[in-house]
């Protein structure tokens, strides 16, 4: 992969990674509710998990969906159910009457596993591989995955820090509860394109 093509890939990865989506909404909520240090495993899970997903998709998993269309429908159903569960979890993260926030941030494995049911992550992975590694050669696919890893880590920090910035404005339990319900609603709303296409 040439330097120019890799820079174009980085730009593509940054724009698609930093725009609002399920990962970033959850990082924002986690930054508000749990702080930077406790959100770190979640951040690493997204960055490494998505890069791994890009690589696996690039070396041939996309062929499964072409050969077995029902597999795509099954993935969509599982994705929607899982994201609704996560929205419920976010909505109920606020303490009922002040005090310590209830719940726990996502673990590394939960965040990495979430990439496989995240519709935006699939679109990003398929788009990147199609554009920047059309021949699906291992070397080119590895560069695409590395590009997403490099940029993905940066964007997870941006969204978590944004959550930290909001934290001081959400000290009151009612404000935190309203924020969490808003984040849960946005996560559910992010399913709309998947449901329309389905």
N, C-alpha and C. Protein backbone atom coordinates (compact mmCIF):
# COMPACT_ATOMS: atom_id res chain seq x y z
N UNK A 1 0.85 -1.19 0.00
CA UNK A 1 0.00 0.00 0.00
C UNK A 1 0.88 1.24 0.00
N UNK A 2 0.62 2.17 -0.91
CA UNK A 2 1.43 3.39 -1.01
C UNK A 2 1.11 4.32 0.16
N UNK A 3 2.02 5.27 0.38
CA UNK A 3 1.82 6.24 1.46
C UNK A 3 0.56 7.07 1.22
N UNK A 4 0.32 7.46 -0.04
CA UNK A 4 -0.85 8.26 -0.36
C UNK A 4 -2.14 7.49 -0.08
N UNK A 5 -2.15 6.21 -0.46
CA UNK A 5 -3.34 5.40 -0.22
C UNK A 5 -3.56 5.18 1.27
N UNK A 6 -2.47 5.00 2.02
CA UNK A 6 -2.61 4.79 3.46
C UNK A 6 -3.13 6.06 4.14
N UNK A 7 -2.68 7.24 3.70
CA UNK A 7 -3.19 8.50 4.26
C UNK A 7 -4.68 8.65 3.95
N UNK A 8 -5.07 8.26 2.74
CA UNK A 8 -6.49 8.31 2.39
C UNK A 8 -7.29 7.35 3.27
N UNK A 9 -6.73 6.18 3.53
CA UNK A 9 -7.37 5.21 4.42
C UNK A 9 -7.53 5.78 5.82
N UNK A 10 -6.48 6.44 6.34
CA UNK A 10 -6.54 7.04 7.67
C UNK A 10 -7.64 8.09 7.74
N UNK A 11 -7.78 8.89 6.68
CA UNK A 11 -8.83 9.90 6.65
C UNK A 11 -10.21 9.23 6.67
N UNK A 12 -10.36 8.19 5.86
CA UNK A 12 -11.61 7.44 5.82
C UNK A 12 -11.91 6.84 7.20
N UNK A 13 -10.90 6.22 7.80
CA UNK A 13 -11.08 5.59 9.11
C UNK A 13 -11.44 6.62 10.18
N UNK A 14 -10.80 7.79 10.13
CA UNK A 14 -11.07 8.82 11.13
C UNK A 14 -12.50 9.33 11.01
N UNK A 15 -12.90 9.68 9.80
CA UNK A 15 -14.24 10.24 9.60
C UNK A 15 -15.31 9.22 10.00
N UNK A 16 -15.15 7.97 9.58
CA UNK A 16 -16.17 6.98 9.91
C UNK A 16 -16.14 6.60 11.40
N UNK A 17 -14.97 6.67 12.02
CA UNK A 17 -14.86 6.29 13.44
C UNK A 17 -15.30 7.39 14.39
N UNK A 18 -15.08 8.66 14.02
CA UNK A 18 -15.36 9.75 14.96
C UNK A 18 -16.81 10.22 14.90
N UNK A 19 -17.52 9.91 13.82
CA UNK A 19 -18.91 10.33 13.72
C UNK A 19 -19.77 9.52 14.70
N UNK A 20 -20.89 10.11 15.14
CA UNK A 20 -21.72 9.42 16.13
C UNK A 20 -22.20 8.06 15.64
N UNK A 21 -22.19 7.11 16.53
CA UNK A 21 -22.65 5.75 16.26
C UNK A 21 -22.75 5.03 17.59
N UNK A 22 -23.13 3.77 17.57
CA UNK A 22 -23.30 3.04 18.83
C UNK A 22 -22.07 3.04 19.73
N UNK A 23 -20.88 2.80 19.17
CA UNK A 23 -19.67 2.80 20.00
C UNK A 23 -19.47 4.14 20.68
N UNK A 24 -19.59 5.22 19.93
CA UNK A 24 -19.30 6.55 20.47
C UNK A 24 -20.35 7.00 21.47
N UNK A 25 -21.60 6.64 21.23
CA UNK A 25 -22.66 6.97 22.20
C UNK A 25 -22.39 6.26 23.52
N UNK A 26 -21.99 4.99 23.44
CA UNK A 26 -21.71 4.24 24.67
C UNK A 26 -20.46 4.75 25.38
N UNK A 27 -19.44 5.16 24.62
CA UNK A 27 -18.24 5.74 25.24
C UNK A 27 -18.57 7.05 25.94
N UNK A 28 -19.38 7.89 25.30
CA UNK A 28 -19.79 9.15 25.91
C UNK A 28 -20.50 8.88 27.23
N UNK A 29 -21.45 7.95 27.21
CA UNK A 29 -22.18 7.61 28.43
C UNK A 29 -21.26 7.00 29.49
N UNK A 30 -20.31 6.17 29.07
CA UNK A 30 -19.39 5.55 30.02
C UNK A 30 -18.46 6.59 30.63
N UNK A 31 -17.99 7.54 29.81
CA UNK A 31 -17.15 8.61 30.34
C UNK A 31 -17.87 9.42 31.41
N UNK A 32 -19.15 9.71 31.16
CA UNK A 32 -19.95 10.46 32.13
C UNK A 32 -20.15 9.64 33.41
N UNK A 33 -20.52 8.38 33.25
CA UNK A 33 -20.92 7.56 34.40
C UNK A 33 -19.75 6.94 35.17
N UNK A 34 -18.66 6.60 34.47
CA UNK A 34 -17.61 5.82 35.11
C UNK A 34 -16.23 6.46 35.08
N UNK A 35 -16.04 7.52 34.31
CA UNK A 35 -14.73 8.16 34.24
C UNK A 35 -13.81 7.49 33.23
N UNK A 36 -12.64 8.10 33.03
CA UNK A 36 -11.70 7.65 31.99
C UNK A 36 -11.07 6.31 32.33
N UNK A 37 -10.56 6.18 33.55
CA UNK A 37 -9.82 4.97 33.92
C UNK A 37 -10.70 3.73 33.83
N UNK A 38 -11.93 3.81 34.35
CA UNK A 38 -12.81 2.64 34.31
C UNK A 38 -13.33 2.35 32.91
N UNK A 39 -13.28 3.34 32.02
CA UNK A 39 -13.73 3.15 30.64
C UNK A 39 -12.60 2.61 29.75
N UNK A 40 -11.37 2.63 30.25
CA UNK A 40 -10.22 2.20 29.45
C UNK A 40 -10.38 0.81 28.82
N UNK A 41 -10.82 -0.22 29.55
CA UNK A 41 -11.01 -1.53 28.89
C UNK A 41 -12.03 -1.47 27.75
N UNK A 42 -13.08 -0.68 27.94
CA UNK A 42 -14.09 -0.49 26.90
C UNK A 42 -13.44 0.13 25.65
N UNK A 43 -12.62 1.15 25.85
CA UNK A 43 -11.94 1.83 24.76
C UNK A 43 -11.02 0.87 24.00
N UNK A 44 -10.22 0.12 24.75
CA UNK A 44 -9.31 -0.84 24.12
C UNK A 44 -10.08 -1.93 23.38
N UNK A 45 -11.20 -2.37 23.94
CA UNK A 45 -12.02 -3.38 23.30
C UNK A 45 -12.55 -2.92 21.96
N UNK A 46 -12.96 -1.65 21.88
CA UNK A 46 -13.44 -1.11 20.62
C UNK A 46 -12.31 -1.03 19.60
N UNK A 47 -11.20 -0.42 20.00
CA UNK A 47 -10.09 -0.21 19.05
C UNK A 47 -9.53 -1.53 18.53
N UNK A 48 -9.20 -2.43 19.42
CA UNK A 48 -8.62 -3.71 19.01
C UNK A 48 -9.67 -4.64 18.39
N UNK A 49 -10.87 -4.63 18.96
CA UNK A 49 -11.93 -5.49 18.45
C UNK A 49 -12.35 -5.12 17.04
N UNK A 50 -12.44 -3.83 16.75
CA UNK A 50 -12.84 -3.44 15.40
C UNK A 50 -11.73 -3.69 14.40
N UNK A 51 -10.49 -3.45 14.79
CA UNK A 51 -9.37 -3.74 13.88
C UNK A 51 -9.33 -5.23 13.54
N UNK A 52 -9.54 -6.08 14.54
CA UNK A 52 -9.58 -7.52 14.30
C UNK A 52 -10.74 -7.88 13.37
N UNK A 53 -11.89 -7.26 13.61
CA UNK A 53 -13.05 -7.51 12.76
C UNK A 53 -12.77 -7.13 11.31
N UNK A 54 -12.15 -5.97 11.11
CA UNK A 54 -11.81 -5.52 9.75
C UNK A 54 -10.93 -6.57 9.07
N UNK A 55 -9.95 -7.08 9.82
CA UNK A 55 -9.05 -8.08 9.23
C UNK A 55 -9.79 -9.35 8.85
N UNK A 56 -10.62 -9.86 9.76
CA UNK A 56 -11.35 -11.10 9.49
C UNK A 56 -12.33 -10.93 8.33
N UNK A 57 -13.02 -9.79 8.30
CA UNK A 57 -13.93 -9.51 7.18
C UNK A 57 -13.13 -9.44 5.88
N UNK A 58 -11.98 -8.79 5.94
CA UNK A 58 -11.16 -8.63 4.75
C UNK A 58 -10.60 -9.90 4.17
N UNK A 59 -10.33 -10.88 5.02
CA UNK A 59 -9.73 -12.13 4.51
C UNK A 59 -10.79 -13.16 4.12
N UNK A 60 -12.06 -12.75 4.12
CA UNK A 60 -13.03 -13.66 3.53
C UNK A 60 -14.36 -13.87 4.18
N UNK A 61 -14.62 -13.32 5.37
CA UNK A 61 -15.89 -13.56 6.02
C UNK A 61 -17.06 -13.01 5.21
N UNK A 62 -16.80 -11.96 4.45
CA UNK A 62 -17.87 -11.37 3.63
C UNK A 62 -18.47 -12.40 2.68
N UNK A 63 -17.67 -13.39 2.27
CA UNK A 63 -18.16 -14.44 1.39
C UNK A 63 -19.26 -15.28 2.01
N UNK A 64 -19.25 -15.40 3.34
CA UNK A 64 -20.28 -16.16 4.03
C UNK A 64 -21.66 -15.53 3.80
N UNK A 65 -21.71 -14.21 3.86
CA UNK A 65 -22.99 -13.51 3.68
C UNK A 65 -23.47 -13.57 2.24
N UNK A 66 -22.54 -13.65 1.32
CA UNK A 66 -22.93 -13.79 -0.08
C UNK A 66 -23.48 -15.20 -0.33
N UNK A 67 -22.81 -16.20 0.24
CA UNK A 67 -23.23 -17.59 0.05
C UNK A 67 -24.48 -17.93 0.84
N UNK A 68 -24.59 -17.38 2.06
CA UNK A 68 -25.72 -17.69 2.94
C UNK A 68 -26.43 -16.39 3.37
N UNK A 69 -27.36 -15.90 2.56
CA UNK A 69 -28.06 -14.65 2.91
C UNK A 69 -28.78 -14.71 4.25
N UNK A 70 -29.22 -15.89 4.66
CA UNK A 70 -29.91 -16.01 5.95
C UNK A 70 -28.99 -15.67 7.11
N UNK A 71 -27.68 -15.84 6.92
CA UNK A 71 -26.72 -15.50 7.98
C UNK A 71 -26.75 -14.00 8.25
N UNK A 72 -26.93 -13.21 7.21
CA UNK A 72 -27.00 -11.75 7.39
C UNK A 72 -28.25 -11.37 8.17
N UNK A 73 -29.38 -12.01 7.86
CA UNK A 73 -30.62 -11.74 8.60
C UNK A 73 -30.47 -12.12 10.06
N UNK A 74 -29.85 -13.28 10.32
CA UNK A 74 -29.64 -13.72 11.70
C UNK A 74 -28.76 -12.72 12.46
N UNK A 75 -27.70 -12.24 11.80
CA UNK A 75 -26.83 -11.25 12.43
C UNK A 75 -27.59 -9.97 12.74
N UNK A 76 -28.47 -9.55 11.83
CA UNK A 76 -29.26 -8.34 12.05
C UNK A 76 -30.17 -8.49 13.26
N UNK A 77 -30.83 -9.62 13.38
CA UNK A 77 -31.74 -9.86 14.51
C UNK A 77 -30.97 -9.86 15.83
N UNK A 78 -29.85 -10.57 15.87
CA UNK A 78 -29.02 -10.62 17.08
C UNK A 78 -28.52 -9.21 17.42
N UNK A 79 -28.10 -8.46 16.42
CA UNK A 79 -27.59 -7.10 16.64
C UNK A 79 -28.65 -6.21 17.26
N UNK A 80 -29.85 -6.24 16.72
CA UNK A 80 -30.93 -5.38 17.22
C UNK A 80 -31.27 -5.74 18.67
N UNK A 81 -31.41 -7.03 18.96
CA UNK A 81 -31.74 -7.46 20.31
C UNK A 81 -30.65 -7.04 21.30
N UNK A 82 -29.39 -7.25 20.92
CA UNK A 82 -28.28 -6.92 21.82
C UNK A 82 -28.20 -5.41 22.06
N UNK A 83 -28.40 -4.62 21.00
CA UNK A 83 -28.32 -3.17 21.17
C UNK A 83 -29.48 -2.63 22.00
N UNK A 84 -30.65 -3.25 21.90
CA UNK A 84 -31.76 -2.85 22.76
C UNK A 84 -31.44 -3.15 24.22
N UNK A 85 -30.80 -4.29 24.47
CA UNK A 85 -30.39 -4.63 25.83
C UNK A 85 -29.37 -3.61 26.36
N UNK A 86 -28.40 -3.24 25.51
CA UNK A 86 -27.41 -2.24 25.93
C UNK A 86 -28.06 -0.88 26.20
N UNK A 87 -29.05 -0.52 25.38
CA UNK A 87 -29.76 0.75 25.61
C UNK A 87 -30.45 0.72 26.97
N UNK A 88 -31.06 -0.41 27.31
CA UNK A 88 -31.70 -0.54 28.62
C UNK A 88 -30.66 -0.39 29.73
N UNK A 89 -29.49 -0.99 29.52
CA UNK A 89 -28.42 -0.93 30.52
C UNK A 89 -27.94 0.51 30.72
N UNK A 90 -27.78 1.24 29.63
CA UNK A 90 -27.37 2.65 29.72
C UNK A 90 -28.44 3.47 30.42
N UNK A 91 -29.70 3.26 30.04
CA UNK A 91 -30.80 4.04 30.62
C UNK A 91 -30.89 3.86 32.12
N UNK A 92 -30.50 2.71 32.63
CA UNK A 92 -30.61 2.44 34.05
C UNK A 92 -29.28 2.54 34.80
N UNK A 93 -28.32 3.26 34.22
CA UNK A 93 -27.02 3.42 34.87
C UNK A 93 -27.04 4.51 35.93
N UNK A 94 -28.00 5.42 35.86
CA UNK A 94 -28.03 6.54 36.81
C UNK A 94 -28.44 6.07 38.20
N UNK A 95 -27.85 6.64 39.24
CA UNK A 95 -28.25 6.28 40.60
C UNK A 95 -29.67 6.77 40.88
N UNK A 96 -30.48 6.00 41.59
CA UNK A 96 -31.86 6.41 41.83
C UNK A 96 -31.99 7.66 42.67
N UNK A 97 -31.13 7.81 43.66
CA UNK A 97 -31.21 9.01 44.50
C UNK A 97 -29.82 9.47 44.90
N UNK A 98 -29.00 9.79 43.93
CA UNK A 98 -27.65 10.27 44.21
C UNK A 98 -26.73 9.13 44.57
N UNK A 99 -25.52 9.47 44.93
CA UNK A 99 -24.55 8.46 45.31
C UNK A 99 -23.82 7.88 44.12
N UNK A 100 -23.25 6.74 44.33
CA UNK A 100 -22.43 6.10 43.31
C UNK A 100 -23.27 5.58 42.16
N UNK A 101 -22.77 5.74 40.96
CA UNK A 101 -23.47 5.25 39.78
C UNK A 101 -23.60 3.74 39.83
N UNK A 102 -24.80 3.26 39.52
CA UNK A 102 -25.02 1.82 39.47
C UNK A 102 -24.50 1.27 38.15
N UNK A 103 -24.29 -0.03 38.13
CA UNK A 103 -23.84 -0.67 36.90
C UNK A 103 -22.33 -0.67 36.77
N UNK A 104 -21.87 -1.25 35.66
CA UNK A 104 -20.44 -1.32 35.39
C UNK A 104 -20.19 -0.98 33.94
N UNK A 105 -19.01 -0.43 33.64
CA UNK A 105 -18.69 -0.18 32.24
C UNK A 105 -18.47 -1.51 31.51
N UNK A 106 -18.52 -1.48 30.18
CA UNK A 106 -18.25 -2.69 29.42
C UNK A 106 -16.81 -3.14 29.65
N UNK A 107 -16.60 -4.43 29.68
CA UNK A 107 -15.25 -4.98 29.78
C UNK A 107 -14.60 -4.96 28.40
N UNK A 108 -13.31 -5.30 28.37
CA UNK A 108 -12.60 -5.39 27.10
C UNK A 108 -13.28 -6.38 26.15
N UNK A 109 -13.58 -7.58 26.66
CA UNK A 109 -14.19 -8.62 25.81
C UNK A 109 -15.60 -8.25 25.37
N UNK A 110 -16.37 -7.62 26.24
CA UNK A 110 -17.72 -7.19 25.86
C UNK A 110 -17.66 -6.15 24.75
N UNK A 111 -16.74 -5.18 24.87
CA UNK A 111 -16.62 -4.13 23.86
C UNK A 111 -16.10 -4.70 22.54
N UNK A 112 -15.13 -5.62 22.62
CA UNK A 112 -14.60 -6.24 21.41
C UNK A 112 -15.68 -7.09 20.74
N UNK A 113 -16.42 -7.84 21.54
CA UNK A 113 -17.49 -8.66 21.00
C UNK A 113 -18.63 -7.84 20.41
N UNK A 114 -18.86 -6.66 20.97
CA UNK A 114 -19.93 -5.80 20.48
C UNK A 114 -19.72 -5.40 19.02
N UNK A 115 -18.48 -5.35 18.57
CA UNK A 115 -18.22 -4.94 17.19
C UNK A 115 -18.93 -5.86 16.20
N UNK A 116 -19.10 -7.11 16.56
CA UNK A 116 -19.70 -8.10 15.67
C UNK A 116 -21.21 -7.96 15.55
N UNK A 117 -21.83 -7.19 16.45
CA UNK A 117 -23.27 -6.93 16.35
C UNK A 117 -23.56 -5.45 16.15
N UNK A 118 -22.54 -4.68 15.85
CA UNK A 118 -22.67 -3.24 15.65
C UNK A 118 -22.81 -2.97 14.14
N UNK A 119 -23.98 -2.56 13.69
CA UNK A 119 -24.18 -2.34 12.25
C UNK A 119 -23.20 -1.34 11.64
N UNK A 120 -22.88 -0.26 12.38
CA UNK A 120 -21.94 0.73 11.84
C UNK A 120 -20.56 0.11 11.67
N UNK A 121 -20.13 -0.72 12.60
CA UNK A 121 -18.82 -1.38 12.50
C UNK A 121 -18.75 -2.25 11.25
N UNK A 122 -19.84 -2.97 10.95
CA UNK A 122 -19.88 -3.80 9.74
C UNK A 122 -19.77 -2.94 8.48
N UNK A 123 -20.52 -1.85 8.44
CA UNK A 123 -20.49 -0.97 7.27
C UNK A 123 -19.08 -0.40 7.07
N UNK A 124 -18.45 0.03 8.16
CA UNK A 124 -17.09 0.57 8.08
C UNK A 124 -16.11 -0.48 7.57
N UNK A 125 -16.20 -1.70 8.13
CA UNK A 125 -15.28 -2.76 7.75
C UNK A 125 -15.45 -3.15 6.29
N UNK A 126 -16.70 -3.36 5.86
CA UNK A 126 -16.95 -3.75 4.47
C UNK A 126 -16.54 -2.65 3.50
N UNK A 127 -16.84 -1.40 3.86
CA UNK A 127 -16.47 -0.28 3.00
C UNK A 127 -14.97 -0.13 2.86
N UNK A 128 -14.26 -0.22 3.97
CA UNK A 128 -12.80 -0.06 3.95
C UNK A 128 -12.12 -1.15 3.14
N UNK A 129 -12.55 -2.38 3.36
CA UNK A 129 -11.93 -3.50 2.64
C UNK A 129 -12.21 -3.40 1.14
N UNK A 130 -13.44 -3.04 0.80
CA UNK A 130 -13.81 -2.92 -0.61
C UNK A 130 -13.02 -1.83 -1.31
N UNK A 131 -12.82 -0.71 -0.63
CA UNK A 131 -12.14 0.44 -1.26
C UNK A 131 -10.63 0.30 -1.21
N UNK A 132 -10.07 -0.08 -0.06
CA UNK A 132 -8.62 -0.01 0.14
C UNK A 132 -7.90 -1.35 0.03
N UNK A 133 -8.64 -2.45 -0.03
CA UNK A 133 -8.02 -3.77 -0.22
C UNK A 133 -8.93 -4.62 -1.10
N UNK A 134 -9.23 -4.11 -2.31
CA UNK A 134 -10.22 -4.80 -3.15
C UNK A 134 -9.84 -6.23 -3.52
N UNK A 135 -8.56 -6.53 -3.61
CA UNK A 135 -8.13 -7.89 -3.94
C UNK A 135 -8.13 -8.81 -2.74
N UNK A 136 -8.40 -8.25 -1.57
CA UNK A 136 -8.43 -8.98 -0.30
C UNK A 136 -7.13 -9.76 -0.06
N UNK A 137 -6.00 -9.16 -0.46
CA UNK A 137 -4.70 -9.77 -0.15
C UNK A 137 -4.40 -9.51 1.31
N UNK A 138 -3.80 -10.50 1.96
CA UNK A 138 -3.55 -10.41 3.40
C UNK A 138 -2.78 -9.16 3.81
N UNK A 139 -1.77 -8.82 3.03
CA UNK A 139 -0.96 -7.65 3.37
C UNK A 139 -1.77 -6.37 3.34
N UNK A 140 -2.56 -6.18 2.28
CA UNK A 140 -3.38 -4.97 2.16
C UNK A 140 -4.44 -4.93 3.25
N UNK A 141 -5.04 -6.08 3.52
CA UNK A 141 -6.07 -6.15 4.57
C UNK A 141 -5.45 -5.82 5.94
N UNK A 142 -4.24 -6.30 6.18
CA UNK A 142 -3.55 -6.00 7.44
C UNK A 142 -3.31 -4.50 7.59
N UNK A 143 -2.95 -3.82 6.49
CA UNK A 143 -2.74 -2.37 6.54
C UNK A 143 -4.05 -1.65 6.85
N UNK A 144 -5.15 -2.12 6.26
CA UNK A 144 -6.46 -1.51 6.53
C UNK A 144 -6.81 -1.68 8.01
N UNK A 145 -6.60 -2.87 8.54
CA UNK A 145 -6.88 -3.12 9.95
C UNK A 145 -6.00 -2.25 10.84
N UNK A 146 -4.71 -2.12 10.47
CA UNK A 146 -3.80 -1.28 11.25
C UNK A 146 -4.22 0.19 11.21
N UNK A 147 -4.69 0.63 10.04
CA UNK A 147 -5.18 2.01 9.93
C UNK A 147 -6.35 2.26 10.87
N UNK A 148 -7.28 1.33 10.92
CA UNK A 148 -8.42 1.48 11.82
C UNK A 148 -8.00 1.40 13.29
N UNK A 149 -7.02 0.58 13.60
CA UNK A 149 -6.52 0.49 14.97
C UNK A 149 -5.89 1.82 15.38
N UNK A 150 -5.07 2.40 14.51
CA UNK A 150 -4.40 3.67 14.82
C UNK A 150 -5.39 4.78 15.07
N UNK A 151 -6.35 4.90 14.19
CA UNK A 151 -7.33 5.98 14.29
C UNK A 151 -8.39 5.66 15.34
N UNK A 152 -8.77 4.39 15.43
CA UNK A 152 -9.83 4.00 16.36
C UNK A 152 -9.48 4.31 17.80
N UNK A 153 -8.22 4.10 18.16
CA UNK A 153 -7.80 4.41 19.53
C UNK A 153 -7.98 5.90 19.82
N UNK A 154 -7.61 6.73 18.87
CA UNK A 154 -7.73 8.19 19.04
C UNK A 154 -9.18 8.61 19.21
N UNK A 155 -10.07 8.06 18.40
CA UNK A 155 -11.47 8.48 18.48
C UNK A 155 -12.15 7.99 19.76
N UNK A 156 -11.71 6.84 20.29
CA UNK A 156 -12.29 6.39 21.56
C UNK A 156 -11.91 7.36 22.68
N UNK A 157 -10.69 7.86 22.62
CA UNK A 157 -10.25 8.85 23.63
C UNK A 157 -11.09 10.12 23.51
N UNK A 158 -11.31 10.58 22.28
CA UNK A 158 -12.08 11.81 22.07
C UNK A 158 -13.47 11.71 22.70
N UNK A 159 -14.18 10.62 22.43
CA UNK A 159 -15.54 10.48 22.93
C UNK A 159 -15.59 10.27 24.44
N UNK A 160 -14.61 9.55 24.99
CA UNK A 160 -14.59 9.36 26.45
C UNK A 160 -14.28 10.67 27.15
N UNK A 161 -13.34 11.43 26.62
CA UNK A 161 -13.00 12.73 27.22
C UNK A 161 -14.18 13.70 27.10
N UNK A 162 -14.90 13.62 26.00
CA UNK A 162 -16.11 14.44 25.87
C UNK A 162 -17.10 14.09 26.98
N UNK A 163 -17.22 12.81 27.28
CA UNK A 163 -18.07 12.39 28.39
C UNK A 163 -17.58 12.93 29.72
N UNK A 164 -16.25 12.93 29.91
CA UNK A 164 -15.69 13.49 31.15
C UNK A 164 -16.01 14.97 31.28
N UNK A 165 -15.97 15.68 30.14
CA UNK A 165 -16.29 17.10 30.15
C UNK A 165 -17.74 17.36 30.56
N UNK A 166 -18.62 16.47 30.18
CA UNK A 166 -20.04 16.61 30.54
C UNK A 166 -20.31 16.21 31.99
N UNK A 167 -19.41 15.44 32.55
CA UNK A 167 -19.64 14.86 33.87
C UNK A 167 -19.94 15.90 34.94
N UNK A 168 -19.22 17.00 34.91
CA UNK A 168 -19.42 18.00 35.97
C UNK A 168 -20.76 18.71 35.84
N UNK A 169 -21.35 18.68 34.62
CA UNK A 169 -22.66 19.29 34.44
C UNK A 169 -23.80 18.34 34.82
N UNK A 170 -23.44 17.10 35.09
CA UNK A 170 -24.45 16.08 35.35
C UNK A 170 -24.32 15.51 36.77
N UNK A 171 -23.97 16.36 37.71
CA UNK A 171 -23.78 15.91 39.09
C UNK A 171 -25.09 15.55 39.76
N UNK A 172 -26.16 16.26 39.39
CA UNK A 172 -27.46 15.97 40.01
C UNK A 172 -28.01 14.65 39.45
N UNK A 173 -28.52 13.79 40.30
CA UNK A 173 -29.05 12.50 39.84
C UNK A 173 -30.09 12.62 38.73
N UNK A 174 -30.97 13.64 38.82
CA UNK A 174 -32.00 13.80 37.79
C UNK A 174 -31.37 14.15 36.44
N UNK A 175 -30.35 14.99 36.46
CA UNK A 175 -29.68 15.37 35.21
C UNK A 175 -28.96 14.16 34.61
N UNK A 176 -28.31 13.37 35.47
CA UNK A 176 -27.62 12.18 34.99
C UNK A 176 -28.60 11.16 34.43
N UNK A 177 -29.74 11.00 35.11
CA UNK A 177 -30.75 10.06 34.63
C UNK A 177 -31.28 10.51 33.27
N UNK A 178 -31.53 11.81 33.11
CA UNK A 178 -32.02 12.33 31.83
C UNK A 178 -30.99 12.12 30.72
N UNK A 179 -29.72 12.34 31.05
CA UNK A 179 -28.65 12.13 30.08
C UNK A 179 -28.61 10.66 29.65
N UNK A 180 -28.65 9.75 30.62
CA UNK A 180 -28.58 8.33 30.30
C UNK A 180 -29.77 7.87 29.46
N UNK A 181 -30.96 8.36 29.77
CA UNK A 181 -32.11 8.01 28.95
C UNK A 181 -31.98 8.57 27.54
N UNK A 182 -31.41 9.77 27.42
CA UNK A 182 -31.18 10.35 26.09
C UNK A 182 -30.18 9.51 25.31
N UNK A 183 -29.09 9.08 25.96
CA UNK A 183 -28.10 8.24 25.28
C UNK A 183 -28.71 6.90 24.86
N UNK A 184 -29.55 6.34 25.72
CA UNK A 184 -30.22 5.08 25.38
C UNK A 184 -31.13 5.27 24.17
N UNK A 185 -31.86 6.39 24.15
CA UNK A 185 -32.75 6.68 23.01
C UNK A 185 -31.95 6.86 21.72
N UNK A 186 -30.80 7.52 21.80
CA UNK A 186 -29.96 7.71 20.61
C UNK A 186 -29.41 6.37 20.13
N UNK A 187 -29.07 5.49 21.05
CA UNK A 187 -28.58 4.17 20.66
C UNK A 187 -29.68 3.39 19.93
N UNK A 188 -30.89 3.46 20.44
CA UNK A 188 -32.01 2.79 19.76
C UNK A 188 -32.25 3.45 18.40
N UNK A 189 -32.19 4.79 18.34
CA UNK A 189 -32.39 5.49 17.07
C UNK A 189 -31.35 5.10 16.04
N UNK A 190 -30.13 4.76 16.49
CA UNK A 190 -29.08 4.38 15.54
C UNK A 190 -29.41 3.05 14.84
N UNK A 191 -30.41 2.34 15.33
CA UNK A 191 -30.84 1.10 14.68
C UNK A 191 -31.75 1.35 13.48
N UNK A 192 -32.27 2.56 13.35
CA UNK A 192 -33.24 2.86 12.30
C UNK A 192 -32.75 2.48 10.90
N UNK A 193 -31.52 2.87 10.51
CA UNK A 193 -31.08 2.49 9.15
C UNK A 193 -31.04 0.97 8.94
N UNK A 194 -30.70 0.23 9.98
CA UNK A 194 -30.65 -1.23 9.87
C UNK A 194 -32.06 -1.78 9.67
N UNK A 195 -33.01 -1.26 10.43
CA UNK A 195 -34.38 -1.74 10.34
C UNK A 195 -35.01 -1.37 8.99
N UNK A 196 -34.69 -0.18 8.49
CA UNK A 196 -35.23 0.26 7.19
C UNK A 196 -34.68 -0.62 6.08
N UNK A 197 -33.37 -0.89 6.11
CA UNK A 197 -32.76 -1.74 5.08
C UNK A 197 -33.27 -3.17 5.19
N UNK A 198 -33.51 -3.62 6.44
CA UNK A 198 -33.99 -4.98 6.64
C UNK A 198 -35.39 -5.16 6.10
